[in-house]
Amino acid sequence: MRSLDDALKMLEEVEKIISEYNPKSDDKEILNKLLTKNMKIEAEAYAKYIRI
């Protein structure tokens, strides 16, 4: 089982990729999927955080 530290490292990698990437109009759908996935991750993290 992976740890929260692993998840944090992955998110930091994603953050770096996004900050260095110059999107084109073709990327709009992928960016929408990224935003949707991010909202789901945030909701799950908040739910777990509140339970502690």
C-alpha atoms as a PDB file:
ATOM      1  CA  MET A   1       0.000   0.000   0.000  1.00  0.00           C
ATOM      2  CA  ARG A   2       1.304   3.418  -0.907  1.00  0.00           C
ATOM      3  CA  SER A   3       1.622   6.181   1.656  1.00  0.00           C
ATOM      4  CA  LEU A   4       0.383   9.747   1.754  1.00  0.00           C
ATOM      5  CA  ASP A   5       4.008  10.797   1.247  1.00  0.00           C
ATOM      6  CA  ASP A   6       3.928   8.932  -2.084  1.00  0.00           C
ATOM      7  CA  ALA A   7       0.731  10.744  -3.046  1.00  0.00           C
ATOM      8  CA  LEU A   8       2.270  14.095  -2.141  1.00  0.00           C
ATOM      9  CA  LYS A   9       5.338  13.368  -4.287  1.00  0.00           C
ATOM     10  CA  MET A  10       3.102  12.448  -7.233  1.00  0.00           C
ATOM     11  CA  LEU A  11       1.079  15.629  -6.841  1.00  0.00           C
ATOM     12  CA  GLU A  12       4.285  17.658  -6.752  1.00  0.00           C
ATOM     13  CA  GLU A  13       5.312  16.005 -10.041  1.00  0.00           C
ATOM     14  CA  VAL A  14       1.925  16.840 -11.572  1.00  0.00           C
ATOM     15  CA  GLU A  15       2.240  20.426 -10.329  1.00  0.00           C
ATOM     16  CA  LYS A  16       5.645  20.730 -11.993  1.00  0.00           C
ATOM     17  CA  ILE A  17       4.390  19.273 -15.300  1.00  0.00           C
ATOM     18  CA  ILE A  18       1.421  21.652 -15.368  1.00  0.00           C
ATOM     19  CA  SER A  19       3.471  24.722 -14.460  1.00  0.00           C
ATOM     20  CA  GLU A  20       6.007  23.984 -17.220  1.00  0.00           C
ATOM     21  CA  TYR A  21       3.444  23.010 -19.880  1.00  0.00           C
ATOM     22  CA  ASN A  22       2.116  25.487 -22.415  1.00  0.00           C
ATOM     23  CA  PRO A  23      -1.363  24.171 -23.316  1.00  0.00           C
ATOM     24  CA  LYS A  24      -2.898  24.353 -26.760  1.00  0.00           C
ATOM     25  CA  SER A  25      -6.576  24.422 -27.654  1.00  0.00           C
ATOM     26  CA  ASP A  26      -6.490  20.604 -28.127  1.00  0.00           C
ATOM     27  CA  ASP A  27      -5.593  20.271 -24.441  1.00  0.00           C
ATOM     28  CA  LYS A  28      -8.833  21.805 -23.168  1.00  0.00           C
ATOM     29  CA  GLU A  29     -10.533  18.418 -22.658  1.00  0.00           C
ATOM     30  CA  ILE A  30      -7.521  17.001 -20.798  1.00  0.00           C
ATOM     31  CA  LEU A  31      -7.298  20.127 -18.635  1.00  0.00           C
ATOM     32  CA  ASN A  32     -10.994  19.707 -17.816  1.00  0.00           C
ATOM     33  CA  LYS A  33     -10.340  16.091 -16.773  1.00  0.00           C
ATOM     34  CA  LEU A  34      -7.391  17.242 -14.643  1.00  0.00           C
ATOM     35  CA  LEU A  35      -9.551  19.850 -12.916  1.00  0.00           C
ATOM     36  CA  THR A  36     -12.325  17.325 -12.299  1.00  0.00           C
ATOM     37  CA  LYS A  37      -9.886  14.755 -10.914  1.00  0.00           C
ATOM     38  CA  ASN A  38      -8.315  17.424  -8.699  1.00  0.00           C
ATOM     39  CA  MET A  39     -11.718  18.339  -7.248  1.00  0.00           C
ATOM     40  CA  LYS A  40     -12.379  14.669  -6.446  1.00  0.00           C
ATOM     41  CA  ILE A  41      -8.970  14.340  -4.785  1.00  0.00           C
ATOM     42  CA  GLU A  42      -9.562  17.500  -2.733  1.00  0.00           C
ATOM     43  CA  ALA A  43     -12.994  16.295  -1.607  1.00  0.00           C
ATOM     44  CA  GLU A  44     -11.616  12.916  -0.536  1.00  0.00           C
ATOM     45  CA  ALA A  45      -8.662  14.510   1.273  1.00  0.00           C
ATOM     46  CA  TYR A  46     -10.940  16.955   3.134  1.00  0.00           C
ATOM     47  CA  ALA A  47     -13.293  14.128   4.130  1.00  0.00           C
ATOM     48  CA  LYS A  48     -10.402  12.105   5.564  1.00  0.00           C
ATOM     49  CA  TYR A  49      -8.886  15.184   7.219  1.00  0.00           C
ATOM     50  CA  ILE A  50     -12.174  16.043   8.962  1.00  0.00           C
ATOM     51  CA  ARG A  51     -12.512  12.454  10.267  1.00  0.00           C
ATOM     52  CA  ILE A  52      -9.167  12.643  12.081  1.00  0.00           C
END
